[in-house]
Amino acid sequence: MKQLITFVKKEFWHVLRDKRTLLVLFGMPIVQVLLFGFALSTEVKDTKIGVIDQDKSQASIELISKIAANQYFDIDQDLKSINEAEDAFKGGKTKMILVIPAKFSQNMSSGKKAQLQLITDGTDLNMANQVYSFMSNIIMDFYGQQAIQSNSGVQPEIRMLYNPQLKGAPNFVPGVMALILLIICVLMTAIAIVREKEMGTMEVLLVSPMKPYIIILAKAIPYFILSIIILISILILSVTVLDLPIKGSLLLLFSISIIFIITNLLLGIVISIVTDSQQTAMLIALVGTMLPTIMLSGFMFPVENMPMPLQIIGNVIPAKWYYEIVKNIMIKGTGWEVVWKHVLVLIGMMLVLFFISVKRFKIRLE
C-alpha cells in the first residue's frame, strides 16, 4: 500500500507540474459545456420567416399576429409572390415562407379544408425540420382557437414532456458529459504507460517489486480523482449556467458516473499498453473514441435510424450506455428500475477492460 501511495503521489506531481495538461483537463470541459449549451443549441430563436398573404382577411391577420408575437419567429419580409420568396431564400437569412392562399378565411369559416403552405430551406435539413415543427405547433394552436370560437371541430393539444420549453441544453448536456469524460479519461491514461516507455523509466518499474495491477492502479488513480472534479464542475455548470436541474437521484447519477470513469480509464490503459509512442496512443484515443462517440452513441444522430451493423458497433461504445443513463436520470427523473441494464453493461465492459489490461501488461521490454 505504501508503494502504491508513493507512486500515486508521483503521478499527481507530474500532472500538476504540466500547465498544458491542466489546461486540457479543466479548460476543455468548461469550453465544451458552454459551447454546446449556447452556441450549438438546436433551439429556434428569432428565425426569419417570410409571409405571402393572398387572403388579406381578419383570420390571416390574426394568424400572422400570432406568429409575430411568438419568440421563436421574426417576420422579416412581407412578400408578394413566389419569385420574391425565392429571392429571400437565396439571400440566406429567410428560413421559411408561409403562404396563406386566397379564400383561406372563407374555407375555414364554412367548415371546408383550409390549407396553408410552408416552404422551408432544405439546404439545412435539421434547421428546416426544427422550424417546420415549431411553425406547425403554432398553426395547430391557431386552428384550435378558431374551432372554439365557432363551437366546432376538435382542438389539438400538444405537450412536450421533460422539455416543454424545447431548450437545447437537455439534449446536449448528457452527450457532452459522456464525450468529455471519455476524451479526458482515455486521452490522459492512454499516454501514461507509453510515456514511461519513451522516457526509459519503464525498466525501473519492471524491476521493482510492484505487481502489474499495482502499476495500473497507480497510473489510473490520479486521473480518476481529477475526473471526479471535472464531473462535479460539469454538473455545477449545467445547473447554474445552463439552468438544467437534475430531476433524478444525484447519488445514483454520481455512482454510475464513477463506473463510467473507471471504464474509460481502463480503456486508456489498454491503449497505452498496446502502443509504443505517445503520438500513436493519442491518435487512437482521439479518433478511436471521440468519433464513434459522436457518430454512434445517439448523442448527435438517432441510433434507430442507423443501419443494423452500425447499431451493433454502437453497442460496444461505453458512452452510448452512459448517455442513455444520464438522459434518463437528469432529464426524465427515472431511477434504478430503468437504468439497471445499462449499468450492468458498463460494469461488464469495465471488468473486461481490467482483465485485458492486466493480462496484456508486459513484464519485459522487447
Protein backbone atom coordinates (compact mmCIF):
# COMPACT_ATOMS: atom_id res chain seq x y z
CA MET A 1 0.00 0.00 0.00
CA LYS A 2 2.86 2.39 0.81
CA GLN A 3 4.36 1.76 -2.63
CA LEU A 4 1.01 2.46 -4.26
CA ILE A 5 0.58 5.75 -2.40
CA THR A 6 4.11 6.81 -3.33
CA PHE A 7 3.52 6.05 -7.00
CA VAL A 8 0.19 7.88 -6.97
CA LYS A 9 1.86 10.97 -5.48
CA LYS A 10 4.48 10.84 -8.20
CA GLU A 11 1.78 10.79 -10.90
CA PHE A 12 -0.05 13.67 -9.24
CA TRP A 13 3.05 15.84 -9.17
CA HIS A 14 3.70 15.06 -12.81
CA VAL A 15 0.21 16.26 -13.78
CA LEU A 16 0.25 19.33 -11.55
CA ARG A 17 3.61 20.49 -12.93
CA ASP A 18 2.33 20.37 -16.51
CA LYS A 19 0.28 23.53 -17.06
CA ARG A 20 -0.77 22.46 -20.54
CA THR A 21 -2.20 19.22 -19.20
CA LEU A 22 -4.11 21.13 -16.53
CA LEU A 23 -5.47 23.47 -19.20
CA VAL A 24 -6.73 20.49 -21.21
CA LEU A 25 -8.17 18.78 -18.14
CA PHE A 26 -10.15 21.72 -16.82
CA GLY A 27 -10.35 24.18 -19.71
CA MET A 28 -11.78 21.85 -22.35
CA PRO A 29 -14.77 20.63 -20.27
CA ILE A 30 -15.84 24.17 -19.42
CA VAL A 31 -15.49 25.35 -23.03
CA GLN A 32 -17.37 22.36 -24.43
CA VAL A 33 -20.25 22.62 -21.96
CA LEU A 34 -20.70 26.33 -22.70
CA LEU A 35 -20.23 25.80 -26.43
CA PHE A 36 -22.77 23.00 -26.73
CA GLY A 37 -25.10 24.68 -24.28
CA PHE A 38 -25.28 28.01 -26.08
CA ALA A 39 -23.57 28.21 -29.46
CA LEU A 40 -24.63 24.77 -30.76
CA SER A 41 -28.17 24.84 -29.46
CA THR A 42 -30.95 23.43 -31.64
CA GLU A 43 -33.48 25.88 -30.28
CA VAL A 44 -35.42 28.01 -32.76
CA LYS A 45 -34.84 31.65 -31.79
CA ASP A 46 -35.78 34.75 -33.78
CA THR A 47 -35.79 32.79 -37.02
CA LYS A 48 -36.50 34.97 -40.03
CA ILE A 49 -39.60 33.95 -41.99
CA GLY A 50 -41.47 35.49 -44.89
CA VAL A 51 -45.23 35.64 -45.37
CA ILE A 52 -47.24 35.72 -48.58
CA ASP A 53 -50.77 36.69 -47.56
CA GLN A 54 -53.07 36.23 -50.55
CA ASP A 55 -56.22 36.30 -48.40
CA LYS A 56 -55.90 39.63 -46.56
CA SER A 57 -58.69 38.62 -44.19
CA GLN A 58 -59.21 39.03 -40.47
CA ALA A 59 -58.25 35.37 -39.91
CA SER A 60 -54.99 35.67 -41.87
CA ILE A 61 -54.10 38.86 -39.99
CA GLU A 62 -54.74 37.11 -36.66
CA LEU A 63 -52.56 34.18 -37.73
CA ILE A 64 -49.70 36.48 -38.75
CA SER A 65 -50.03 38.40 -35.49
CA LYS A 66 -49.91 35.17 -33.51
CA ILE A 67 -46.73 34.16 -35.29
CA ALA A 68 -45.17 37.61 -34.85
CA ALA A 69 -45.93 37.58 -31.12
CA ASN A 70 -44.07 34.29 -30.71
CA GLN A 71 -40.47 34.43 -29.53
CA TYR A 72 -39.38 31.75 -31.98
CA PHE A 73 -40.01 33.65 -35.21
CA ASP A 74 -39.36 37.08 -36.64
CA ILE A 75 -41.45 38.06 -39.68
CA ASP A 76 -38.74 39.62 -41.76
CA GLN A 77 -40.49 40.28 -45.04
CA ASP A 78 -43.99 40.89 -46.38
CA LEU A 79 -43.66 39.11 -49.69
CA LYS A 80 -45.95 39.48 -52.69
CA SER A 81 -45.12 36.47 -54.87
CA ILE A 82 -43.27 33.16 -55.07
CA ASN A 83 -40.50 34.84 -57.06
CA GLU A 84 -39.84 37.18 -54.14
CA ALA A 85 -39.81 34.14 -51.85
CA GLU A 86 -37.08 32.50 -53.94
CA ASP A 87 -35.01 35.68 -53.77
CA ALA A 88 -35.47 35.74 -49.99
CA PHE A 89 -34.18 32.17 -49.73
CA LYS A 90 -31.19 32.96 -51.91
CA GLY A 91 -30.31 35.81 -49.57
CA GLY A 92 -29.71 33.21 -46.85
CA LYS A 93 -31.49 34.93 -43.95
CA THR A 94 -35.04 33.68 -44.51
CA LYS A 95 -35.55 30.08 -43.39
CA MET A 96 -39.27 29.63 -44.15
CA ILE A 97 -42.04 31.12 -46.25
CA LEU A 98 -45.67 30.91 -45.09
CA VAL A 99 -48.16 31.11 -47.94
CA ILE A 100 -51.75 31.96 -46.94
CA PRO A 101 -53.91 31.24 -50.02
CA ALA A 102 -56.96 33.20 -51.14
CA LYS A 103 -60.28 32.18 -49.57
CA PHE A 104 -58.40 30.86 -46.52
CA SER A 105 -60.78 32.58 -44.09
CA GLN A 106 -63.85 31.69 -46.16
CA ASN A 107 -62.96 27.99 -46.26
CA MET A 108 -62.24 27.90 -42.54
CA SER A 109 -65.49 29.61 -41.55
CA SER A 110 -67.57 27.39 -43.83
CA GLY A 111 -66.04 24.19 -42.45
CA LYS A 112 -64.10 23.38 -45.60
CA LYS A 113 -60.46 22.35 -45.66
CA ALA A 114 -58.37 25.48 -45.12
CA GLN A 115 -54.86 24.82 -46.37
CA LEU A 116 -51.61 26.64 -45.71
CA GLN A 117 -48.28 26.16 -47.45
CA LEU A 118 -44.96 26.09 -45.61
CA ILE A 119 -41.85 26.40 -47.76
CA THR A 120 -38.54 25.72 -45.99
CA ASP A 121 -34.88 25.96 -46.95
CA GLY A 122 -33.84 22.33 -47.42
CA THR A 123 -30.12 23.08 -47.66
CA ASP A 124 -30.04 22.84 -43.86
CA LEU A 125 -32.30 19.86 -43.22
CA ASN A 126 -32.05 19.88 -39.43
CA MET A 127 -32.95 23.56 -39.21
CA ALA A 128 -35.77 23.07 -41.72
CA ASN A 129 -37.29 20.27 -39.63
CA GLN A 130 -36.99 22.31 -36.44
CA VAL A 131 -38.61 25.39 -37.98
CA TYR A 132 -41.36 23.30 -39.56
CA SER A 133 -42.13 21.59 -36.24
CA PHE A 134 -42.37 24.88 -34.33
CA MET A 135 -44.50 26.55 -37.00
CA SER A 136 -46.83 23.54 -37.22
CA ASN A 137 -47.48 23.78 -33.47
CA ILE A 138 -48.39 27.46 -33.76
CA ILE A 139 -50.73 26.82 -36.69
CA MET A 140 -52.43 23.91 -34.93
CA ASP A 141 -52.95 26.09 -31.87
CA PHE A 142 -54.47 28.78 -34.10
CA TYR A 143 -56.84 26.27 -35.71
CA GLY A 144 -57.87 25.08 -32.26
CA GLN A 145 -58.72 28.60 -31.10
CA GLN A 146 -60.76 29.23 -34.24
CA ALA A 147 -62.63 25.97 -33.69
CA ILE A 148 -63.53 27.01 -30.12
CA GLN A 149 -64.83 30.36 -31.32
CA SER A 150 -67.06 28.67 -33.88
CA ASN A 151 -68.02 25.85 -31.44
CA SER A 152 -66.99 23.22 -33.95
CA GLY A 153 -64.11 20.95 -34.73
CA VAL A 154 -61.51 19.42 -32.46
CA GLN A 155 -58.81 21.40 -30.69
CA PRO A 156 -55.43 19.62 -30.72
CA GLU A 157 -53.35 19.99 -27.56
CA ILE A 158 -49.63 19.28 -27.70
CA ARG A 159 -47.47 18.66 -24.66
CA MET A 160 -43.69 18.27 -24.75
CA LEU A 161 -42.77 16.13 -21.76
CA TYR A 162 -39.48 16.71 -19.91
CA ASN A 163 -38.55 19.70 -22.10
CA PRO A 164 -41.62 21.92 -22.54
CA GLN A 165 -39.53 24.99 -23.47
CA LEU A 166 -37.77 22.98 -26.21
CA LYS A 167 -34.36 24.08 -24.94
CA GLY A 168 -31.16 22.73 -26.42
CA ALA A 169 -29.38 22.06 -23.11
CA PRO A 170 -31.43 18.93 -22.17
CA ASN A 171 -30.44 17.44 -25.50
CA PHE A 172 -26.74 18.30 -25.43
CA VAL A 173 -25.64 18.18 -21.78
CA PRO A 174 -25.92 14.37 -21.31
CA GLY A 175 -24.00 13.79 -24.52
CA VAL A 176 -21.39 16.39 -23.63
CA MET A 177 -20.88 14.75 -20.23
CA ALA A 178 -20.25 11.39 -21.88
CA LEU A 179 -17.99 12.91 -24.54
CA ILE A 180 -15.87 14.98 -22.15
CA LEU A 181 -15.37 12.23 -19.57
CA LEU A 182 -14.48 9.74 -22.29
CA ILE A 183 -11.97 12.01 -24.02
CA ILE A 184 -10.34 13.23 -20.82
CA CYS A 185 -10.08 9.82 -19.15
CA VAL A 186 -8.97 7.87 -22.21
CA LEU A 187 -6.59 10.54 -23.50
CA MET A 188 -4.83 11.10 -20.20
CA THR A 189 -4.33 7.45 -19.35
CA ALA A 190 -3.53 6.46 -22.94
CA ILE A 191 -0.18 8.23 -22.74
CA ALA A 192 0.58 7.23 -19.14
CA ILE A 193 2.48 3.96 -19.67
CA VAL A 194 3.71 4.95 -23.15
CA ARG A 195 5.39 7.99 -21.61
CA GLU A 196 7.30 5.70 -19.24
CA LYS A 197 8.45 3.63 -22.23
CA GLU A 198 9.66 6.65 -24.17
CA MET A 199 11.43 8.20 -21.17
CA GLY A 200 13.18 4.93 -20.38
CA THR A 201 11.74 4.67 -16.86
CA MET A 202 9.69 1.59 -17.62
CA GLU A 203 12.70 -0.63 -16.86
CA VAL A 204 12.78 0.75 -13.32
CA LEU A 205 9.10 -0.08 -12.83
CA LEU A 206 9.52 -3.59 -14.21
CA VAL A 207 12.37 -4.49 -11.85
CA SER A 208 10.51 -3.06 -8.87
CA PRO A 209 8.58 -5.42 -6.55
CA MET A 210 5.26 -3.86 -7.61
CA LYS A 211 2.86 -6.16 -9.40
CA PRO A 212 1.29 -5.15 -12.77
CA TYR A 213 -2.10 -4.32 -11.28
CA ILE A 214 -0.42 -2.00 -8.74
CA ILE A 215 1.23 -0.07 -11.56
CA ILE A 216 -2.08 0.15 -13.43
CA LEU A 217 -3.91 1.40 -10.34
CA ALA A 218 -1.18 3.93 -9.58
CA LYS A 219 -1.44 5.30 -13.12
CA ALA A 220 -5.22 5.49 -13.04
CA ILE A 221 -5.94 6.85 -9.55
CA PRO A 222 -4.72 10.44 -10.14
CA TYR A 223 -6.78 10.77 -13.31
CA PHE A 224 -9.74 9.18 -11.54
CA ILE A 225 -9.67 11.88 -8.87
CA LEU A 226 -9.26 14.63 -11.48
CA SER A 227 -12.16 13.14 -13.48
CA ILE A 228 -14.39 13.31 -10.40
CA ILE A 229 -13.53 17.01 -10.06
CA ILE A 230 -14.34 17.53 -13.75
CA LEU A 231 -17.65 15.69 -13.33
CA ILE A 232 -18.63 17.93 -10.42
CA SER A 233 -17.66 21.00 -12.46
CA ILE A 234 -19.84 19.89 -15.38
CA LEU A 235 -22.84 19.27 -13.12
CA ILE A 236 -22.43 22.66 -11.44
CA LEU A 237 -22.20 24.41 -14.83
CA SER A 238 -25.26 22.54 -16.10
CA VAL A 239 -27.40 23.52 -13.11
CA THR A 240 -26.21 27.10 -12.61
CA VAL A 241 -25.30 28.35 -16.09
CA LEU A 242 -27.48 26.23 -18.39
CA ASP A 243 -30.40 26.10 -15.95
CA LEU A 244 -30.73 22.32 -16.26
CA PRO A 245 -31.95 20.81 -12.96
CA ILE A 246 -31.16 17.21 -12.07
CA LYS A 247 -34.60 15.63 -11.73
CA GLY A 248 -33.42 12.19 -10.64
CA SER A 249 -31.17 10.93 -7.87
CA LEU A 250 -27.88 12.79 -7.72
CA LEU A 251 -26.33 9.93 -5.76
CA LEU A 252 -27.34 7.40 -8.43
CA LEU A 253 -26.02 9.66 -11.21
CA PHE A 254 -22.75 10.18 -9.37
CA SER A 255 -22.29 6.46 -8.66
CA ILE A 256 -22.88 5.44 -12.27
CA SER A 257 -20.59 8.22 -13.45
CA ILE A 258 -17.81 6.71 -11.33
CA ILE A 259 -18.33 3.36 -13.10
CA PHE A 260 -18.17 5.12 -16.46
CA ILE A 261 -14.99 6.99 -15.48
CA ILE A 262 -13.27 3.78 -14.37
CA THR A 263 -14.27 2.10 -17.63
CA ASN A 264 -12.76 4.92 -19.66
CA LEU A 265 -9.58 4.96 -17.57
CA LEU A 266 -9.12 1.25 -18.19
CA LEU A 267 -9.75 1.76 -21.90
CA GLY A 268 -6.97 4.35 -21.91
CA ILE A 269 -4.67 1.95 -20.04
CA VAL A 270 -5.30 -0.76 -22.64
CA ILE A 271 -4.46 1.67 -25.45
CA SER A 272 -1.34 2.72 -23.56
CA ILE A 273 -0.21 -0.88 -23.16
CA VAL A 274 -0.60 -1.90 -26.81
CA THR A 275 1.09 1.20 -28.29
CA ASP A 276 4.74 2.23 -28.35
CA SER A 277 4.58 6.02 -28.79
CA GLN A 278 2.59 8.87 -27.28
CA GLN A 279 1.56 10.12 -30.72
CA THR A 280 0.07 6.75 -31.64
CA ALA A 281 -1.68 6.47 -28.29
CA MET A 282 -3.17 9.96 -28.61
CA LEU A 283 -4.31 9.29 -32.18
CA ILE A 284 -6.06 6.06 -31.21
CA ALA A 285 -7.57 7.69 -28.14
CA LEU A 286 -8.99 10.64 -30.05
CA VAL A 287 -10.01 9.05 -33.35
CA GLY A 288 -10.91 5.66 -31.92
CA THR A 289 -13.13 7.01 -29.16
CA MET A 290 -14.26 10.55 -29.97
CA LEU A 291 -15.61 9.92 -33.48
CA PRO A 292 -17.55 6.74 -32.59
CA THR A 293 -18.97 8.52 -29.54
CA ILE A 294 -20.19 11.46 -31.61
CA MET A 295 -21.47 9.39 -34.51
CA LEU A 296 -22.80 6.17 -32.99
CA SER A 297 -23.79 6.84 -29.37
CA GLY A 298 -27.05 8.62 -30.17
CA PHE A 299 -25.65 11.94 -29.00
CA MET A 300 -25.84 13.68 -32.38
CA PHE A 301 -27.84 11.23 -34.51
CA PRO A 302 -30.67 8.80 -33.56
CA VAL A 303 -29.37 5.26 -33.24
CA GLU A 304 -32.68 3.87 -34.51
CA ASN A 305 -32.12 5.48 -37.93
CA MET A 306 -28.72 3.84 -38.43
CA PRO A 307 -28.12 0.61 -40.38
CA MET A 308 -28.10 -2.50 -38.22
CA PRO A 309 -24.30 -3.08 -38.47
CA LEU A 310 -23.67 0.43 -37.10
CA GLN A 311 -26.20 -0.12 -34.33
CA ILE A 312 -24.32 -3.27 -33.31
CA ILE A 313 -21.00 -1.41 -33.32
CA GLY A 314 -22.58 1.34 -31.24
CA ASN A 315 -23.44 -1.18 -28.52
CA VAL A 316 -19.74 -1.67 -27.70
CA ILE A 317 -19.23 2.05 -27.09
CA PRO A 318 -19.43 2.78 -23.34
CA ALA A 319 -20.58 6.36 -23.99
CA LYS A 320 -23.80 5.11 -25.61
CA TRP A 321 -24.96 3.42 -22.43
CA TYR A 322 -23.82 6.26 -20.21
CA TYR A 323 -25.56 8.83 -22.43
CA GLU A 324 -28.87 6.98 -22.09
CA ILE A 325 -28.38 6.69 -18.32
CA VAL A 326 -27.67 10.41 -17.85
CA LYS A 327 -30.59 11.36 -20.08
CA ASN A 328 -32.97 9.19 -18.08
CA ILE A 329 -31.77 10.34 -14.65
CA MET A 330 -31.18 14.04 -15.30
CA ILE A 331 -33.99 14.82 -17.75
CA LYS A 332 -36.70 12.23 -17.05
CA GLY A 333 -36.01 11.71 -13.37
CA THR A 334 -36.08 7.91 -13.59
CA GLY A 335 -34.35 5.61 -11.12
CA TRP A 336 -32.53 2.31 -10.83
CA GLU A 337 -35.50 0.31 -12.13
CA VAL A 338 -34.99 1.84 -15.59
CA VAL A 339 -31.20 2.06 -15.92
CA TRP A 340 -30.05 -1.13 -14.23
CA LYS A 341 -29.49 -2.97 -17.52
CA HIS A 342 -27.32 -0.14 -18.83
CA VAL A 343 -25.32 -0.16 -15.60
CA LEU A 344 -24.69 -3.90 -15.87
CA VAL A 345 -23.37 -3.41 -19.41
CA LEU A 346 -20.96 -0.73 -18.18
CA ILE A 347 -19.80 -2.94 -15.31
CA GLY A 348 -19.22 -5.81 -17.75
CA MET A 349 -17.13 -3.56 -20.01
CA MET A 350 -15.15 -2.35 -17.01
CA LEU A 351 -14.31 -5.88 -15.88
CA VAL A 352 -13.32 -6.99 -19.38
CA LEU A 353 -11.03 -3.99 -19.83
CA PHE A 354 -9.40 -4.55 -16.43
CA PHE A 355 -8.74 -8.21 -17.28
CA ILE A 356 -7.25 -7.25 -20.67
CA SER A 357 -5.05 -4.54 -19.16
CA VAL A 358 -3.61 -6.90 -16.53
CA LYS A 359 -3.06 -9.75 -18.98
CA ARG A 360 -1.52 -7.59 -21.73
CA PHE A 361 0.84 -5.73 -19.41
CA LYS A 362 4.33 -6.88 -20.34
CA ILE A 363 6.80 -7.58 -17.55
CA ARG A 364 9.66 -7.47 -20.04
CA LEU A 365 10.52 -4.89 -22.65
CA GLU A 366 11.15 -6.36 -26.10
